[in-house]
């Protein structure tokens, strides 16, 4: 046995399974939250007008911070994605934006024309990440089972 290899056959699959499970859990919780927010808005939508406060250019698109009022209370969004038909073509501070908010929770908001609050392109990516994490966990579990059986078989062969 060399230094640095002790326990690799035993703990390697467990470490891979733990990382894959963490990825699947994080992505799955994010998908569940987005779906819950979309359902909450769809159940009782309020169409409101907001104003762009700040424009943030990110890789793959533009995100905007929008402020709006509902029942006299002021709300501010964080990083609403501007894509395609949703939102203005070239947002600038002060531009009016159409928003849909949940009547029961006005802090839950999305741009008019979008299905999900963080944008429609995010959900499929998170779904694939969740599926990949679950598949990785299953493969690591199989790897752990096979190596444990091989180790058990080798122990039986070497035992008189």
C-alpha atoms as a PDB file:
ATOM      1  CA  UNK A   1       0.000   0.000   0.000  1.00  0.00           C
ATOM      2  CA  UNK A   2       1.328   3.407  -1.026  1.00  0.00           C
ATOM      3  CA  UNK A   3       0.822   6.654   0.837  1.00  0.00           C
ATOM      4  CA  UNK A   4      -2.233   8.530  -0.334  1.00  0.00           C
ATOM      5  CA  UNK A   5      -4.147   5.470  -1.538  1.00  0.00           C
ATOM      6  CA  UNK A   6      -5.414   4.157   1.803  1.00  0.00           C
ATOM      7  CA  UNK A   7      -9.189   4.157   1.900  1.00  0.00           C
ATOM      8  CA  UNK A   8      -9.587   5.393  -1.671  1.00  0.00           C
ATOM      9  CA  UNK A   9     -11.516   2.281  -2.676  1.00  0.00           C
ATOM     10  CA  UNK A  10     -13.716   2.658   0.393  1.00  0.00           C
ATOM     11  CA  UNK A  11     -14.343   6.415   0.683  1.00  0.00           C
ATOM     12  CA  UNK A  12     -14.089   7.508  -2.959  1.00  0.00           C
ATOM     13  CA  UNK A  13     -17.614   6.422  -3.885  1.00  0.00           C
ATOM     14  CA  UNK A  14     -18.994   7.926  -0.692  1.00  0.00           C
ATOM     15  CA  UNK A  15     -17.371  11.290  -1.453  1.00  0.00           C
ATOM     16  CA  UNK A  16     -18.663  11.262  -5.041  1.00  0.00           C
ATOM     17  CA  UNK A  17     -22.152  10.330  -3.842  1.00  0.00           C
ATOM     18  CA  UNK A  18     -22.114  13.120  -1.237  1.00  0.00           C
ATOM     19  CA  UNK A  19     -21.107  15.760  -3.808  1.00  0.00           C
ATOM     20  CA  UNK A  20     -23.695  14.538  -6.340  1.00  0.00           C
ATOM     21  CA  UNK A  21     -26.391  14.458  -3.676  1.00  0.00           C
ATOM     22  CA  UNK A  22     -25.529  18.008  -2.601  1.00  0.00           C
ATOM     23  CA  UNK A  23     -25.730  19.227  -6.220  1.00  0.00           C
ATOM     24  CA  UNK A  24     -29.055  17.441  -6.767  1.00  0.00           C
ATOM     25  CA  UNK A  25     -30.479  18.826  -3.516  1.00  0.00           C
ATOM     26  CA  UNK A  26     -29.451  22.419  -4.210  1.00  0.00           C
ATOM     27  CA  UNK A  27     -30.728  22.388  -7.790  1.00  0.00           C
ATOM     28  CA  UNK A  28     -33.913  20.544  -6.817  1.00  0.00           C
ATOM     29  CA  UNK A  29     -34.711  23.031  -4.046  1.00  0.00           C
ATOM     30  CA  UNK A  30     -34.150  25.911  -6.447  1.00  0.00           C
ATOM     31  CA  UNK A  31     -36.481  24.346  -9.034  1.00  0.00           C
ATOM     32  CA  UNK A  32     -39.119  23.727  -6.356  1.00  0.00           C
ATOM     33  CA  UNK A  33     -38.892  27.338  -5.193  1.00  0.00           C
ATOM     34  CA  UNK A  34     -39.255  28.680  -8.735  1.00  0.00           C
ATOM     35  CA  UNK A  35     -42.255  26.450  -9.416  1.00  0.00           C
ATOM     36  CA  UNK A  36     -43.895  27.513  -6.147  1.00  0.00           C
ATOM     37  CA  UNK A  37     -43.346  31.191  -6.962  1.00  0.00           C
ATOM     38  CA  UNK A  38     -44.783  30.729 -10.472  1.00  0.00           C
ATOM     39  CA  UNK A  39     -47.864  28.958  -9.059  1.00  0.00           C
ATOM     40  CA  UNK A  40     -48.324  31.684  -6.460  1.00  0.00           C
ATOM     41  CA  UNK A  41     -48.274  34.371  -9.162  1.00  0.00           C
ATOM     42  CA  UNK A  42     -50.535  32.341 -11.486  1.00  0.00           C
ATOM     43  CA  UNK A  43     -53.112  31.829  -8.690  1.00  0.00           C
ATOM     44  CA  UNK A  44     -53.733  35.562  -8.205  1.00  0.00           C
ATOM     45  CA  UNK A  45     -51.728  37.754 -10.591  1.00  0.00           C
ATOM     46  CA  UNK A  46     -51.535  41.521 -10.257  1.00  0.00           C
ATOM     47  CA  UNK A  47     -50.346  43.476 -13.301  1.00  0.00           C
ATOM     48  CA  UNK A  48     -48.323  46.441 -12.182  1.00  0.00           C
ATOM     49  CA  UNK A  49     -45.909  48.936 -13.688  1.00  0.00           C
ATOM     50  CA  UNK A  50     -42.419  49.250 -12.345  1.00  0.00           C
ATOM     51  CA  UNK A  51     -39.416  51.398 -13.168  1.00  0.00           C
ATOM     52  CA  UNK A  52     -35.931  50.125 -13.913  1.00  0.00           C
ATOM     53  CA  UNK A  53     -33.511  51.283 -11.199  1.00  0.00           C
ATOM     54  CA  UNK A  54     -30.348  49.608 -12.407  1.00  0.00           C
ATOM     55  CA  UNK A  55     -29.190  47.555 -15.394  1.00  0.00           C
ATOM     56  CA  UNK A  56     -26.648  44.767 -14.904  1.00  0.00           C
ATOM     57  CA  UNK A  57     -24.990  43.228 -17.958  1.00  0.00           C
ATOM     58  CA  UNK A  58     -24.089  39.598 -17.319  1.00  0.00           C
ATOM     59  CA  UNK A  59     -22.768  36.825 -19.498  1.00  0.00           C
ATOM     60  CA  UNK A  60     -25.623  35.665 -21.686  1.00  0.00           C
ATOM     61  CA  UNK A  61     -27.993  38.578 -21.133  1.00  0.00           C
ATOM     62  CA  UNK A  62     -29.097  41.545 -19.110  1.00  0.00           C
ATOM     63  CA  UNK A  63     -30.649  41.684 -15.661  1.00  0.00           C
ATOM     64  CA  UNK A  64     -32.524  44.637 -14.219  1.00  0.00           C
ATOM     65  CA  UNK A  65     -33.379  45.891 -10.754  1.00  0.00           C
ATOM     66  CA  UNK A  66     -36.942  47.194 -10.771  1.00  0.00           C
ATOM     67  CA  UNK A  67     -38.844  49.156  -8.127  1.00  0.00           C
ATOM     68  CA  UNK A  68     -42.644  49.099  -7.940  1.00  0.00           C
ATOM     69  CA  UNK A  69     -45.527  49.915  -5.605  1.00  0.00           C
ATOM     70  CA  UNK A  70     -48.402  47.703  -4.450  1.00  0.00           C
ATOM     71  CA  UNK A  71     -51.040  49.045  -2.060  1.00  0.00           C
ATOM     72  CA  UNK A  72     -48.798  51.958  -1.093  1.00  0.00           C
ATOM     73  CA  UNK A  73     -45.824  49.726  -0.214  1.00  0.00           C
ATOM     74  CA  UNK A  74     -42.587  50.020  -2.194  1.00  0.00           C
ATOM     75  CA  UNK A  75     -40.848  46.851  -3.384  1.00  0.00           C
ATOM     76  CA  UNK A  76     -37.589  46.288  -5.257  1.00  0.00           C
ATOM     77  CA  UNK A  77     -36.596  43.252  -7.303  1.00  0.00           C
ATOM     78  CA  UNK A  78     -33.181  41.702  -7.571  1.00  0.00           C
ATOM     79  CA  UNK A  79     -31.865  40.766 -10.989  1.00  0.00           C
ATOM     80  CA  UNK A  80     -34.910  40.121 -13.179  1.00  0.00           C
ATOM     81  CA  UNK A  81     -33.691  38.658 -16.475  1.00  0.00           C
ATOM     82  CA  UNK A  82     -34.617  40.538 -19.637  1.00  0.00           C
ATOM     83  CA  UNK A  83     -35.004  38.104 -22.513  1.00  0.00           C
ATOM     84  CA  UNK A  84     -36.917  38.110 -25.792  1.00  0.00           C
ATOM     85  CA  UNK A  85     -40.484  39.352 -25.513  1.00  0.00           C
ATOM     86  CA  UNK A  86     -40.279  39.944 -21.764  1.00  0.00           C
ATOM     87  CA  UNK A  87     -39.211  43.417 -20.768  1.00  0.00           C
ATOM     88  CA  UNK A  88     -37.850  46.298 -22.782  1.00  0.00           C
ATOM     89  CA  UNK A  89     -35.453  45.713 -25.690  1.00  0.00           C
ATOM     90  CA  UNK A  90     -32.752  48.015 -24.305  1.00  0.00           C
ATOM     91  CA  UNK A  91     -33.532  48.752 -20.665  1.00  0.00           C
ATOM     92  CA  UNK A  92     -32.216  51.948 -19.141  1.00  0.00           C
ATOM     93  CA  UNK A  93     -32.757  53.386 -15.675  1.00  0.00           C
ATOM     94  CA  UNK A  94     -36.209  54.966 -15.531  1.00  0.00           C
ATOM     95  CA  UNK A  95     -37.729  52.727 -18.233  1.00  0.00           C
ATOM     96  CA  UNK A  96     -41.250  51.505 -17.420  1.00  0.00           C
ATOM     97  CA  UNK A  97     -41.596  47.726 -17.113  1.00  0.00           C
ATOM     98  CA  UNK A  98     -44.695  45.505 -16.929  1.00  0.00           C
ATOM     99  CA  UNK A  99     -44.629  43.126 -13.946  1.00  0.00           C
ATOM    100  CA  UNK A 100     -46.850  40.366 -12.607  1.00  0.00           C
ATOM    101  CA  UNK A 101     -46.906  39.979  -8.838  1.00  0.00           C
ATOM    102  CA  UNK A 102     -48.724  37.568  -6.547  1.00  0.00           C
ATOM    103  CA  UNK A 103     -51.654  39.261  -4.808  1.00  0.00           C
ATOM    104  CA  UNK A 104     -50.978  37.251  -1.646  1.00  0.00           C
ATOM    105  CA  UNK A 105     -47.241  38.081  -1.672  1.00  0.00           C
ATOM    106  CA  UNK A 106     -46.381  41.209  -3.697  1.00  0.00           C
ATOM    107  CA  UNK A 107     -42.665  40.512  -3.192  1.00  0.00           C
ATOM    108  CA  UNK A 108     -42.969  37.540  -5.557  1.00  0.00           C
ATOM    109  CA  UNK A 109     -42.744  39.063  -9.009  1.00  0.00           C
ATOM    110  CA  UNK A 110     -41.803  38.283 -12.613  1.00  0.00           C
ATOM    111  CA  UNK A 111     -41.714  40.209 -15.868  1.00  0.00           C
ATOM    112  CA  UNK A 112     -44.928  40.064 -17.915  1.00  0.00           C
ATOM    113  CA  UNK A 113     -44.648  37.342 -20.533  1.00  0.00           C
ATOM    114  CA  UNK A 114     -42.373  35.085 -18.488  1.00  0.00           C
ATOM    115  CA  UNK A 115     -43.442  31.893 -16.744  1.00  0.00           C
ATOM    116  CA  UNK A 116     -40.851  31.811 -13.951  1.00  0.00           C
ATOM    117  CA  UNK A 117     -39.483  34.645 -11.775  1.00  0.00           C
ATOM    118  CA  UNK A 118     -35.808  34.024 -12.611  1.00  0.00           C
ATOM    119  CA  UNK A 119     -36.464  33.582 -16.316  1.00  0.00           C
ATOM    120  CA  UNK A 120     -37.688  30.764 -18.485  1.00  0.00           C
ATOM    121  CA  UNK A 121     -34.218  29.499 -19.445  1.00  0.00           C
ATOM    122  CA  UNK A 122     -33.184  28.712 -15.859  1.00  0.00           C
ATOM    123  CA  UNK A 123     -35.683  25.941 -15.068  1.00  0.00           C
ATOM    124  CA  UNK A 124     -34.571  23.435 -17.760  1.00  0.00           C
ATOM    125  CA  UNK A 125     -30.929  23.917 -16.783  1.00  0.00           C
ATOM    126  CA  UNK A 126     -31.662  23.360 -13.099  1.00  0.00           C
ATOM    127  CA  UNK A 127     -33.803  20.335 -13.974  1.00  0.00           C
ATOM    128  CA  UNK A 128     -30.910  18.800 -15.909  1.00  0.00           C
ATOM    129  CA  UNK A 129     -28.539  19.550 -13.047  1.00  0.00           C
ATOM    130  CA  UNK A 130     -30.921  17.841 -10.616  1.00  0.00           C
ATOM    131  CA  UNK A 131     -31.184  14.775 -12.878  1.00  0.00           C
ATOM    132  CA  UNK A 132     -27.400  14.640 -13.288  1.00  0.00           C
ATOM    133  CA  UNK A 133     -26.920  14.825  -9.512  1.00  0.00           C
ATOM    134  CA  UNK A 134     -29.393  12.000  -8.933  1.00  0.00           C
ATOM    135  CA  UNK A 135     -27.760   9.880 -11.663  1.00  0.00           C
ATOM    136  CA  UNK A 136     -24.314  10.543 -10.188  1.00  0.00           C
ATOM    137  CA  UNK A 137     -25.537   9.521  -6.737  1.00  0.00           C
ATOM    138  CA  UNK A 138     -26.991   6.296  -8.147  1.00  0.00           C
ATOM    139  CA  UNK A 139     -23.761   5.514 -10.026  1.00  0.00           C
ATOM    140  CA  UNK A 140     -21.650   6.213  -6.948  1.00  0.00           C
ATOM    141  CA  UNK A 141     -23.947   3.914  -4.946  1.00  0.00           C
ATOM    142  CA  UNK A 142     -23.406   1.180  -7.525  1.00  0.00           C
ATOM    143  CA  UNK A 143     -19.656   1.811  -7.441  1.00  0.00           C
ATOM    144  CA  UNK A 144     -19.675   1.547  -3.654  1.00  0.00           C
ATOM    145  CA  UNK A 145     -21.672  -1.704  -3.785  1.00  0.00           C
ATOM    146  CA  UNK A 146     -19.397  -3.307  -6.397  1.00  0.00           C
ATOM    147  CA  UNK A 147     -16.178  -2.355  -4.588  1.00  0.00           C
ATOM    148  CA  UNK A 148     -17.604  -3.595  -1.275  1.00  0.00           C
ATOM    149  CA  UNK A 149     -18.514  -6.942  -2.862  1.00  0.00           C
ATOM    150  CA  UNK A 150     -15.073  -7.258  -4.449  1.00  0.00           C
ATOM    151  CA  UNK A 151     -13.431  -6.452  -1.115  1.00  0.00           C
ATOM    152  CA  UNK A 152     -15.663  -9.009   0.647  1.00  0.00           C
ATOM    153  CA  UNK A 153     -14.908 -11.657  -2.000  1.00  0.00           C
ATOM    154  CA  UNK A 154     -11.157 -11.015  -1.702  1.00  0.00           C
ATOM    155  CA  UNK A 155     -11.382 -11.322   2.092  1.00  0.00           C
ATOM    156  CA  UNK A 156     -13.203 -14.660   1.802  1.00  0.00           C
ATOM    157  CA  UNK A 157     -10.630 -16.023  -0.653  1.00  0.00           C
ATOM    158  CA  UNK A 158      -7.722 -15.073   1.585  1.00  0.00           C
ATOM    159  CA  UNK A 159      -9.314 -16.449   4.754  1.00  0.00           C
ATOM    160  CA  UNK A 160      -8.318 -20.108   5.424  1.00  0.00           C
END
